[in-house]
Amino acid sequence: MKDDRVMGFAWYDKESFEALRGRMPDMSESYEDWLLGAKKDLQRAVSEGYRVIRIAVRPQEFFPWCDRKGIGLPGLSARRAYAAEQANLLVKAERAGRGILGLF
């Protein structure tokens, strides 16, 4: 699969979801609602030919990343940008011969 068909997909464990949602009210009402929608979105992306890389979004890593990027009030676009950047780093590491890596 070509690298331009790679999608970094923001993924949460329940604890991280709750902590993130406390600072980003644009997220789904509950972890269960998010998970149901995320599974559908993943399935759709794969059916469209994307190599989907789940990127764990954890508050202790995500919020400092936002600070470095100058993102004061992060939302969906910030989460997508974070996932895309992390997936890009993984693809670059694979190309450098470090094998297949995963964050989740």
PDB file of N, CA and C in Angstrom:
ATOM      1  N   MET A   1       0.838  -1.175   0.000  1.00  0.00           N
ATOM      2  CA  MET A   1       0.000   0.000   0.000  1.00  0.00           C
ATOM      3  C   MET A   1       0.886   1.243   0.000  1.00  0.00           C
ATOM      4  N   LYS A   2       0.507   2.223  -0.781  1.00  0.00           N
ATOM      5  CA  LYS A   2       1.315   3.431  -0.882  1.00  0.00           C
ATOM      6  C   LYS A   2       1.193   4.266   0.388  1.00  0.00           C
ATOM      7  N   ASP A   3       2.299   4.944   0.735  1.00  0.00           N
ATOM      8  CA  ASP A   3       2.320   5.754   1.950  1.00  0.00           C
ATOM      9  C   ASP A   3       1.314   6.895   1.925  1.00  0.00           C
ATOM     10  N   ASP A   4       0.950   7.378   0.721  1.00  0.00           N
ATOM     11  CA  ASP A   4       0.001   8.487   0.680  1.00  0.00           C
ATOM     12  C   ASP A   4      -1.415   8.017   1.019  1.00  0.00           C
ATOM     13  N   ARG A   5      -1.592   6.745   1.241  1.00  0.00           N
ATOM     14  CA  ARG A   5      -2.885   6.197   1.652  1.00  0.00           C
ATOM     15  C   ARG A   5      -2.863   5.790   3.125  1.00  0.00           C
ATOM     16  N   VAL A   6      -1.979   6.398   3.879  1.00  0.00           N
ATOM     17  CA  VAL A   6      -1.882   6.129   5.314  1.00  0.00           C
ATOM     18  C   VAL A   6      -2.739   7.146   6.056  1.00  0.00           C
ATOM     19  N   MET A   7      -3.479   6.657   7.032  1.00  0.00           N
ATOM     20  CA  MET A   7      -4.302   7.540   7.854  1.00  0.00           C
ATOM     21  C   MET A   7      -3.972   7.304   9.320  1.00  0.00           C
ATOM     22  N   GLY A   8      -3.556   8.351   9.990  1.00  0.00           N
ATOM     23  CA  GLY A   8      -3.406   8.288  11.438  1.00  0.00           C
ATOM     24  C   GLY A   8      -4.773   8.508  12.054  1.00  0.00           C
ATOM     25  N   PHE A   9      -5.192   7.599  12.898  1.00  0.00           N
ATOM     26  CA  PHE A   9      -6.532   7.652  13.477  1.00  0.00           C
ATOM     27  C   PHE A   9      -6.419   7.796  14.988  1.00  0.00           C
ATOM     28  N   ALA A  10      -6.924   8.901  15.508  1.00  0.00           N
ATOM     29  CA  ALA A  10      -6.874   9.152  16.953  1.00  0.00           C
ATOM     30  C   ALA A  10      -7.652   8.069  17.689  1.00  0.00           C
ATOM     31  N   TRP A  11      -6.987   7.444  18.651  1.00  0.00           N
ATOM     32  CA  TRP A  11      -7.588   6.338  19.395  1.00  0.00           C
ATOM     33  C   TRP A  11      -7.416   6.585  20.885  1.00  0.00           C
ATOM     34  N   TYR A  12      -8.409   6.219  21.652  1.00  0.00           N
ATOM     35  CA  TYR A  12      -8.407   6.507  23.083  1.00  0.00           C
ATOM     36  C   TYR A  12      -8.704   5.252  23.893  1.00  0.00           C
ATOM     37  N   ASP A  13      -8.050   5.128  25.040  1.00  0.00           N
ATOM     38  CA  ASP A  13      -8.539   4.174  26.029  1.00  0.00           C
ATOM     39  C   ASP A  13      -9.560   4.957  26.864  1.00  0.00           C
ATOM     40  N   LYS A  14     -10.340   4.254  27.649  1.00  0.00           N
ATOM     41  CA  LYS A  14     -11.436   4.911  28.364  1.00  0.00           C
ATOM     42  C   LYS A  14     -10.943   6.001  29.316  1.00  0.00           C
ATOM     43  N   GLU A  15      -9.879   5.724  30.037  1.00  0.00           N
ATOM     44  CA  GLU A  15      -9.351   6.699  30.998  1.00  0.00           C
ATOM     45  C   GLU A  15      -8.878   7.969  30.289  1.00  0.00           C
ATOM     46  N   SER A  16      -8.157   7.798  29.201  1.00  0.00           N
ATOM     47  CA  SER A  16      -7.679   8.961  28.443  1.00  0.00           C
ATOM     48  C   SER A  16      -8.846   9.729  27.844  1.00  0.00           C
ATOM     49  N   PHE A  17      -9.839   9.009  27.344  1.00  0.00           N
ATOM     50  CA  PHE A  17     -11.013   9.662  26.763  1.00  0.00           C
ATOM     51  C   PHE A  17     -11.663  10.587  27.786  1.00  0.00           C
ATOM     52  N   GLU A  18     -11.878  10.069  28.987  1.00  0.00           N
ATOM     53  CA  GLU A  18     -12.536  10.875  30.024  1.00  0.00           C
ATOM     54  C   GLU A  18     -11.702  12.108  30.376  1.00  0.00           C
ATOM     55  N   ALA A  19     -10.400  11.939  30.497  1.00  0.00           N
ATOM     56  CA  ALA A  19      -9.527  13.069  30.832  1.00  0.00           C
ATOM     57  C   ALA A  19      -9.500  14.099  29.704  1.00  0.00           C
ATOM     58  N   LEU A  20      -9.435  13.633  28.473  1.00  0.00           N
ATOM     59  CA  LEU A  20      -9.420  14.541  27.328  1.00  0.00           C
ATOM     60  C   LEU A  20     -10.753  15.265  27.193  1.00  0.00           C
ATOM     61  N   ARG A  21     -11.842  14.540  27.363  1.00  0.00           N
ATOM     62  CA  ARG A  21     -13.164  15.139  27.204  1.00  0.00           C
ATOM     63  C   ARG A  21     -13.393  16.250  28.222  1.00  0.00           C
ATOM     64  N   GLY A  22     -12.769  16.142  29.371  1.00  0.00           N
ATOM     65  CA  GLY A  22     -12.893  17.194  30.371  1.00  0.00           C
ATOM     66  C   GLY A  22     -12.369  18.534  29.885  1.00  0.00           C
ATOM     67  N   ARG A  23     -11.461  18.514  28.926  1.00  0.00           N
ATOM     68  CA  ARG A  23     -10.889  19.756  28.378  1.00  0.00           C
ATOM     69  C   ARG A  23     -11.320  20.021  26.944  1.00  0.00           C
ATOM     70  N   MET A  24     -11.999  19.054  26.332  1.00  0.00           N
ATOM     71  CA  MET A  24     -12.431  19.213  24.937  1.00  0.00           C
ATOM     72  C   MET A  24     -13.876  18.741  24.794  1.00  0.00           C
ATOM     73  N   PRO A  25     -14.821  19.623  25.064  1.00  0.00           N
ATOM     74  CA  PRO A  25     -16.230  19.219  25.060  1.00  0.00           C
ATOM     75  C   PRO A  25     -16.782  18.866  23.678  1.00  0.00           C
ATOM     76  N   ASP A  26     -15.992  19.048  22.625  1.00  0.00           N
ATOM     77  CA  ASP A  26     -16.472  18.676  21.293  1.00  0.00           C
ATOM     78  C   ASP A  26     -16.428  17.164  21.065  1.00  0.00           C
ATOM     79  N   MET A  27     -15.847  16.422  22.012  1.00  0.00           N
ATOM     80  CA  MET A  27     -15.768  14.971  21.876  1.00  0.00           C
ATOM     81  C   MET A  27     -17.140  14.347  22.139  1.00  0.00           C
ATOM     82  N   SER A  28     -17.299  13.102  21.735  1.00  0.00           N
ATOM     83  CA  SER A  28     -18.553  12.372  21.960  1.00  0.00           C
ATOM     84  C   SER A  28     -18.947  12.428  23.429  1.00  0.00           C
ATOM     85  N   GLU A  29     -20.231  12.262  23.678  1.00  0.00           N
ATOM     86  CA  GLU A  29     -20.748  12.314  25.043  1.00  0.00           C
ATOM     87  C   GLU A  29     -20.170  11.226  25.933  1.00  0.00           C
ATOM     88  N   SER A  30     -19.933  10.048  25.361  1.00  0.00           N
ATOM     89  CA  SER A  30     -19.416   8.943  26.167  1.00  0.00           C
ATOM     90  C   SER A  30     -18.379   8.164  25.369  1.00  0.00           C
ATOM     91  N   TYR A  31     -17.556   7.433  26.092  1.00  0.00           N
ATOM     92  CA  TYR A  31     -16.551   6.583  25.456  1.00  0.00           C
ATOM     93  C   TYR A  31     -17.225   5.557  24.560  1.00  0.00           C
ATOM     94  N   GLU A  32     -18.317   4.991  25.024  1.00  0.00           N
ATOM     95  CA  GLU A  32     -19.023   3.972  24.257  1.00  0.00           C
ATOM     96  C   GLU A  32     -19.549   4.535  22.940  1.00  0.00           C
ATOM     97  N   ASP A  33     -20.110   5.751  22.971  1.00  0.00           N
ATOM     98  CA  ASP A  33     -20.575   6.399  21.734  1.00  0.00           C
ATOM     99  C   ASP A  33     -19.409   6.623  20.782  1.00  0.00           C
ATOM    100  N   TRP A  34     -18.297   7.130  21.331  1.00  0.00           N
ATOM    101  CA  TRP A  34     -17.127   7.361  20.484  1.00  0.00           C
ATOM    102  C   TRP A  34     -16.652   6.057  19.859  1.00  0.00           C
ATOM    103  N   LEU A  35     -16.535   4.996  20.655  1.00  0.00           N
ATOM    104  CA  LEU A  35     -16.013   3.722  20.174  1.00  0.00           C
ATOM    105  C   LEU A  35     -16.873   3.163  19.050  1.00  0.00           C
ATOM    106  N   LEU A  36     -18.180   3.254  19.187  1.00  0.00           N
ATOM    107  CA  LEU A  36     -19.084   2.776  18.143  1.00  0.00           C
ATOM    108  C   LEU A  36     -18.839   3.526  16.835  1.00  0.00           C
ATOM    109  N   GLY A  37     -18.764   4.839  16.908  1.00  0.00           N
ATOM    110  CA  GLY A  37     -18.502   5.639  15.710  1.00  0.00           C
ATOM    111  C   GLY A  37     -17.112   5.413  15.149  1.00  0.00           C
ATOM    112  N   ALA A  38     -16.135   5.267  16.031  1.00  0.00           N
ATOM    113  CA  ALA A  38     -14.750   5.064  15.586  1.00  0.00           C
ATOM    114  C   ALA A  38     -14.610   3.764  14.813  1.00  0.00           C
ATOM    115  N   LYS A  39     -15.246   2.719  15.286  1.00  0.00           N
ATOM    116  CA  LYS A  39     -15.168   1.434  14.583  1.00  0.00           C
ATOM    117  C   LYS A  39     -15.746   1.543  13.178  1.00  0.00           C
ATOM    118  N   LYS A  40     -16.848   2.269  13.037  1.00  0.00           N
ATOM    119  CA  LYS A  40     -17.445   2.478  11.709  1.00  0.00           C
ATOM    120  C   LYS A  40     -16.510   3.295  10.821  1.00  0.00           C
ATOM    121  N   ASP A  41     -15.927   4.351  11.381  1.00  0.00           N
ATOM    122  CA  ASP A  41     -15.008   5.193  10.610  1.00  0.00           C
ATOM    123  C   ASP A  41     -13.772   4.413  10.171  1.00  0.00           C
ATOM    124  N   LEU A  42     -13.249   3.572  11.059  1.00  0.00           N
ATOM    125  CA  LEU A  42     -12.089   2.740  10.712  1.00  0.00           C
ATOM    126  C   LEU A  42     -12.424   1.796   9.571  1.00  0.00           C
ATOM    127  N   GLN A  43     -13.560   1.155   9.680  1.00  0.00           N
ATOM    128  CA  GLN A  43     -13.988   0.203   8.658  1.00  0.00           C
ATOM    129  C   GLN A  43     -14.132   0.899   7.304  1.00  0.00           C
ATOM    130  N   ARG A  44     -14.713   2.087   7.314  1.00  0.00           N
ATOM    131  CA  ARG A  44     -14.895   2.844   6.075  1.00  0.00           C
ATOM    132  C   ARG A  44     -13.541   3.223   5.472  1.00  0.00           C
ATOM    133  N   ALA A  45     -12.621   3.691   6.298  1.00  0.00           N
ATOM    134  CA  ALA A  45     -11.298   4.090   5.796  1.00  0.00           C
ATOM    135  C   ALA A  45     -10.561   2.901   5.183  1.00  0.00           C
ATOM    136  N   VAL A  46     -10.627   1.760   5.838  1.00  0.00           N
ATOM    137  CA  VAL A  46      -9.971   0.560   5.309  1.00  0.00           C
ATOM    138  C   VAL A  46     -10.610   0.152   3.987  1.00  0.00           C
ATOM    139  N   SER A  47     -11.941   0.221   3.909  1.00  0.00           N
ATOM    140  CA  SER A  47     -12.622  -0.154   2.664  1.00  0.00           C
ATOM    141  C   SER A  47     -12.291   0.812   1.525  1.00  0.00           C
ATOM    142  N   GLU A  48     -11.891   2.034   1.864  1.00  0.00           N
ATOM    143  CA  GLU A  48     -11.488   3.020   0.855  1.00  0.00           C
ATOM    144  C   GLU A  48     -10.015   2.892   0.490  1.00  0.00           C
ATOM    145  N   GLY A  49      -9.335   1.912   1.075  1.00  0.00           N
ATOM    146  CA  GLY A  49      -7.955   1.636   0.698  1.00  0.00           C
ATOM    147  C   GLY A  49      -6.886   2.253   1.570  1.00  0.00           C
ATOM    148  N   TYR A  50      -7.279   2.837   2.685  1.00  0.00           N
ATOM    149  CA  TYR A  50      -6.287   3.432   3.584  1.00  0.00           C
ATOM    150  C   TYR A  50      -5.642   2.375   4.463  1.00  0.00           C
ATOM    151  N   ARG A  51      -4.392   2.579   4.737  1.00  0.00           N
ATOM    152  CA  ARG A  51      -3.716   1.842   5.810  1.00  0.00           C
ATOM    153  C   ARG A  51      -3.934   2.693   7.054  1.00  0.00           C
ATOM    154  N   VAL A  52      -4.731   2.219   7.956  1.00  0.00           N
ATOM    155  CA  VAL A  52      -5.084   2.990   9.144  1.00  0.00           C
ATOM    156  C   VAL A  52      -4.150   2.614  10.290  1.00  0.00           C
ATOM    157  N   ILE A  53      -3.537   3.628  10.874  1.00  0.00           N
ATOM    158  CA  ILE A  53      -2.673   3.430  12.034  1.00  0.00           C
ATOM    159  C   ILE A  53      -3.366   4.092  13.222  1.00  0.00           C
ATOM    160  N   ARG A  54      -3.726   3.282  14.190  1.00  0.00           N
ATOM    161  CA  ARG A  54      -4.338   3.826  15.404  1.00  0.00           C
ATOM    162  C   ARG A  54      -3.260   4.504  16.244  1.00  0.00           C
ATOM    163  N   ILE A  55      -3.514   5.754  16.551  1.00  0.00           N
ATOM    164  CA  ILE A  55      -2.575   6.532  17.355  1.00  0.00           C
ATOM    165  C   ILE A  55      -3.213   6.807  18.715  1.00  0.00           C
ATOM    166  N   ALA A  56      -2.607   6.282  19.750  1.00  0.00           N
ATOM    167  CA  ALA A  56      -3.111   6.510  21.105  1.00  0.00           C
ATOM    168  C   ALA A  56      -2.942   7.984  21.457  1.00  0.00           C
ATOM    169  N   VAL A  57      -4.042   8.612  21.808  1.00  0.00           N
ATOM    170  CA  VAL A  57      -4.009  10.010  22.238  1.00  0.00           C
ATOM    171  C   VAL A  57      -4.182   9.998  23.754  1.00  0.00           C
ATOM    172  N   ARG A  58      -3.123  10.404  24.425  1.00  0.00           N
ATOM    173  CA  ARG A  58      -3.119  10.431  25.888  1.00  0.00           C
ATOM    174  C   ARG A  58      -2.860  11.868  26.344  1.00  0.00           C
ATOM    175  N   PRO A  59      -3.569  12.312  27.366  1.00  0.00           N
ATOM    176  CA  PRO A  59      -3.434  13.707  27.805  1.00  0.00           C
ATOM    177  C   PRO A  59      -2.000  14.131  28.083  1.00  0.00           C
ATOM    178  N   GLN A  60      -1.219  13.261  28.712  1.00  0.00           N
ATOM    179  CA  GLN A  60       0.143  13.631  29.110  1.00  0.00           C
ATOM    180  C   GLN A  60       1.060  13.846  27.912  1.00  0.00           C
ATOM    181  N   GLU A  61       0.684  13.365  26.741  1.00  0.00           N
ATOM    182  CA  GLU A  61       1.470  13.582  25.523  1.00  0.00           C
ATOM    183  C   GLU A  61       0.799  14.601  24.605  1.00  0.00           C
ATOM    184  N   PHE A  62      -0.525  14.527  24.527  1.00  0.00           N
ATOM    185  CA  PHE A  62      -1.262  15.372  23.593  1.00  0.00           C
ATOM    186  C   PHE A  62      -1.237  16.854  23.980  1.00  0.00           C
ATOM    187  N   PHE A  63      -1.518  17.169  25.232  1.00  0.00           N
ATOM    188  CA  PHE A  63      -1.582  18.582  25.615  1.00  0.00           C
ATOM    189  C   PHE A  63      -0.227  19.289  25.515  1.00  0.00           C
ATOM    190  N   PRO A  64       0.880  18.660  25.895  1.00  0.00           N
ATOM    191  CA  PRO A  64       2.176  19.305  25.643  1.00  0.00           C
ATOM    192  C   PRO A  64       2.445  19.499  24.147  1.00  0.00           C
ATOM    193  N   TRP A  65       2.017  18.555  23.324  1.00  0.00           N
ATOM    194  CA  TRP A  65       2.154  18.702  21.871  1.00  0.00           C
ATOM    195  C   TRP A  65       1.378  19.938  21.418  1.00  0.00           C
ATOM    196  N   CYS A  66       0.156  20.090  21.917  1.00  0.00           N
ATOM    197  CA  CYS A  66      -0.653  21.266  21.573  1.00  0.00           C
ATOM    198  C   CYS A  66       0.057  22.550  21.990  1.00  0.00           C
ATOM    199  N   ASP A  67       0.633  22.552  23.180  1.00  0.00           N
ATOM    200  CA  ASP A  67       1.361  23.735  23.655  1.00  0.00           C
ATOM    201  C   ASP A  67       2.512  24.078  22.716  1.00  0.00           C
ATOM    202  N   ARG A  68       3.269  23.053  22.293  1.00  0.00           N
ATOM    203  CA  ARG A  68       4.399  23.293  21.380  1.00  0.00           C
ATOM    204  C   ARG A  68       3.935  23.841  20.039  1.00  0.00           C
ATOM    205  N   LYS A  69       2.730  23.463  19.625  1.00  0.00           N
ATOM    206  CA  LYS A  69       2.188  23.912  18.340  1.00  0.00           C
ATOM    207  C   LYS A  69       1.432  25.232  18.463  1.00  0.00           C
ATOM    208  N   GLY A  70       1.289  25.733  19.681  1.00  0.00           N
ATOM    209  CA  GLY A  70       0.563  26.985  19.885  1.00  0.00           C
ATOM    210  C   GLY A  70      -0.945  26.827  19.784  1.00  0.00           C
ATOM    211  N   ILE A  71      -1.441  25.637  20.070  1.00  0.00           N
ATOM    212  CA  ILE A  71      -2.878  25.370  20.008  1.00  0.00           C
ATOM    213  C   ILE A  71      -3.442  25.576  21.409  1.00  0.00           C
ATOM    214  N   GLY A  72      -4.164  26.661  21.586  1.00  0.00           N
ATOM    215  CA  GLY A  72      -4.670  27.001  22.907  1.00  0.00           C
ATOM    216  C   GLY A  72      -5.900  26.227  23.324  1.00  0.00           C
ATOM    217  N   LEU A  73      -6.828  26.028  22.411  1.00  0.00           N
ATOM    218  CA  LEU A  73      -8.068  25.313  22.704  1.00  0.00           C
ATOM    219  C   LEU A  73      -8.209  24.182  21.690  1.00  0.00           C
ATOM    220  N   PRO A  74      -7.623  23.031  21.991  1.00  0.00           N
ATOM    221  CA  PRO A  74      -7.625  21.946  21.015  1.00  0.00           C
ATOM    222  C   PRO A  74      -9.010  21.352  20.812  1.00  0.00           C
ATOM    223  N   GLY A  75      -9.233  20.904  19.599  1.00  0.00           N
ATOM    224  CA  GLY A  75     -10.483  20.253  19.236  1.00  0.00           C
ATOM    225  C   GLY A  75     -10.204  19.161  18.222  1.00  0.00           C
ATOM    226  N   LEU A  76     -11.210  18.865  17.422  1.00  0.00           N
ATOM    227  CA  LEU A  76     -11.111  17.784  16.446  1.00  0.00           C
ATOM    228  C   LEU A  76      -9.935  17.964  15.496  1.00  0.00           C
ATOM    229  N   SER A  77      -9.749  19.165  14.981  1.00  0.00           N
ATOM    230  CA  SER A  77      -8.658  19.368  14.018  1.00  0.00           C
ATOM    231  C   SER A  77      -7.296  19.125  14.666  1.00  0.00           C
ATOM    232  N   ALA A  78      -7.141  19.488  15.935  1.00  0.00           N
ATOM    233  CA  ALA A  78      -5.871  19.237  16.631  1.00  0.00           C
ATOM    234  C   ALA A  78      -5.657  17.746  16.842  1.00  0.00           C
ATOM    235  N   ARG A  79      -6.712  17.029  17.216  1.00  0.00           N
ATOM    236  CA  ARG A  79      -6.574  15.583  17.407  1.00  0.00           C
ATOM    237  C   ARG A  79      -6.223  14.893  16.097  1.00  0.00           C
ATOM    238  N   ARG A  80      -6.839  15.334  15.015  1.00  0.00           N
ATOM    239  CA  ARG A  80      -6.517  14.760  13.702  1.00  0.00           C
ATOM    240  C   ARG A  80      -5.083  15.075  13.298  1.00  0.00           C
ATOM    241  N   ALA A  81      -4.651  16.304  13.544  1.00  0.00           N
ATOM    242  CA  ALA A  81      -3.279  16.691  13.189  1.00  0.00           C
ATOM    243  C   ALA A  81      -2.267  15.893  14.004  1.00  0.00           C
ATOM    244  N   TYR A  82      -2.546  15.696  15.272  1.00  0.00           N
ATOM    245  CA  TYR A  82      -1.662  14.910  16.134  1.00  0.00           C
ATOM    246  C   TYR A  82      -1.557  13.478  15.612  1.00  0.00           C
ATOM    247  N   ALA A  83      -2.688  12.871  15.319  1.00  0.00           N
ATOM    248  CA  ALA A  83      -2.687  11.491  14.817  1.00  0.00           C
ATOM    249  C   ALA A  83      -1.952  11.399  13.487  1.00  0.00           C
ATOM    250  N   ALA A  84      -2.175  12.365  12.603  1.00  0.00           N
ATOM    251  CA  ALA A  84      -1.499  12.355  11.301  1.00  0.00           C
ATOM    252  C   ALA A  84       0.010  12.493  11.470  1.00  0.00           C
ATOM    253  N   GLU A  85       0.433  13.399  12.338  1.00  0.00           N
ATOM    254  CA  GLU A  85       1.869  13.603  12.555  1.00  0.00           C
ATOM    255  C   GLU A  85       2.521  12.347  13.134  1.00  0.00           C
ATOM    256  N   GLN A  86       1.876  11.740  14.115  1.00  0.00           N
ATOM    257  CA  GLN A  86       2.439  10.537  14.732  1.00  0.00           C
ATOM    258  C   GLN A  86       2.490   9.378  13.736  1.00  0.00           C
ATOM    259  N   ALA A  87       1.463   9.235  12.911  1.00  0.00           N
ATOM    260  CA  ALA A  87       1.468   8.179  11.888  1.00  0.00           C
ATOM    261  C   ALA A  87       2.587   8.420  10.887  1.00  0.00           C
ATOM    262  N   ASN A  88       2.788   9.670  10.515  1.00  0.00           N
ATOM    263  CA  ASN A  88       3.862  10.016   9.587  1.00  0.00           C
ATOM    264  C   ASN A  88       5.225   9.642  10.170  1.00  0.00           C
ATOM    265  N   LEU A  89       5.416   9.892  11.454  1.00  0.00           N
ATOM    266  CA  LEU A  89       6.673   9.512  12.110  1.00  0.00           C
ATOM    267  C   LEU A  89       6.872   7.995  12.083  1.00  0.00           C
ATOM    268  N   LEU A  90       5.803   7.246  12.280  1.00  0.00           N
ATOM    269  CA  LEU A  90       5.904   5.784  12.234  1.00  0.00           C
ATOM    270  C   LEU A  90       6.278   5.297  10.844  1.00  0.00           C
ATOM    271  N   VAL A  91       5.666   5.885   9.830  1.00  0.00           N
ATOM    272  CA  VAL A  91       5.976   5.492   8.452  1.00  0.00           C
ATOM    273  C   VAL A  91       7.435   5.805   8.136  1.00  0.00           C
ATOM    274  N   LYS A  92       7.912   6.961   8.564  1.00  0.00           N
ATOM    275  CA  LYS A  92       9.319   7.310   8.343  1.00  0.00           C
ATOM    276  C   LYS A  92      10.246   6.331   9.049  1.00  0.00           C
ATOM    277  N   ALA A  93       9.888   5.917  10.258  1.00  0.00           N
ATOM    278  CA  ALA A  93      10.702   4.947  10.994  1.00  0.00           C
ATOM    279  C   ALA A  93      10.718   3.607  10.270  1.00  0.00           C
ATOM    280  N   GLU A  94       9.583   3.207   9.724  1.00  0.00           N
ATOM    281  CA  GLU A  94       9.529   1.959   8.956  1.00  0.00           C
ATOM    282  C   GLU A  94      10.458   2.032   7.751  1.00  0.00           C
ATOM    283  N   ARG A  95      10.407   3.156   7.053  1.00  0.00           N
ATOM    284  CA  ARG A  95      11.268   3.334   5.874  1.00  0.00           C
ATOM    285  C   ARG A  95      12.740   3.285   6.249  1.00  0.00           C
ATOM    286  N   ALA A  96      13.050   3.745   7.444  1.00  0.00           N
ATOM    287  CA  ALA A  96      14.442   3.767   7.896  1.00  0.00           C
ATOM    288  C   ALA A  96      14.909   2.384   8.345  1.00  0.00           C
ATOM    289  N   GLY A  97      14.031   1.408   8.233  1.00  0.00           N
ATOM    290  CA  GLY A  97      14.422   0.045   8.549  1.00  0.00           C
ATOM    291  C   GLY A  97      14.243  -0.360   9.986  1.00  0.00           C
ATOM    292  N   ARG A  98      13.413   0.363  10.680  1.00  0.00           N
ATOM    293  CA  ARG A  98      13.193   0.034  12.087  1.00  0.00           C
ATOM    294  C   ARG A  98      12.025  -0.926  12.264  1.00  0.00           C
ATOM    295  N   GLY A  99      11.495  -1.418  11.180  1.00  0.00           N
ATOM    296  CA  GLY A  99      10.401  -2.385  11.265  1.00  0.00           C
ATOM    297  C   GLY A  99       9.060  -1.722  11.448  1.00  0.00           C
ATOM    298  N   ILE A 100       8.067  -2.539  11.663  1.00  0.00           N
ATOM    299  CA  ILE A 100       6.708  -2.045  11.850  1.00  0.00           C
ATOM    300  C   ILE A 100       6.522  -1.700  13.316  1.00  0.00           C
ATOM    301  N   LEU A 101       6.059  -0.494  13.548  1.00  0.00           N
ATOM    302  CA  LEU A 101       5.871   0.003  14.907  1.00  0.00           C
ATOM    303  C   LEU A 101       4.400   0.286  15.142  1.00  0.00           C
ATOM    304  N   GLY A 102       4.011   0.347  16.363  1.00  0.00           N
ATOM    305  CA  GLY A 102       2.649   0.722  16.706  1.00  0.00           C
ATOM    306  C   GLY A 102       2.630   1.467  18.021  1.00  0.00           C
ATOM    307  N   LEU A 103       1.657   2.336  18.158  1.00  0.00           N
ATOM    308  CA  LEU A 103       1.528   3.092  19.395  1.00  0.00           C
ATOM    309  C   LEU A 103       0.343   2.633  20.216  1.00  0.00           C
ATOM    310  N   PHE A 104      -0.431   1.685  19.709  1.00  0.00           N
ATOM    311  CA  PHE A 104      -1.599   1.245  20.470  1.00  0.00           C
ATOM    312  C   PHE A 104      -1.772  -0.229  20.313  1.00  0.00           C
TER     313      PHE A 104
END
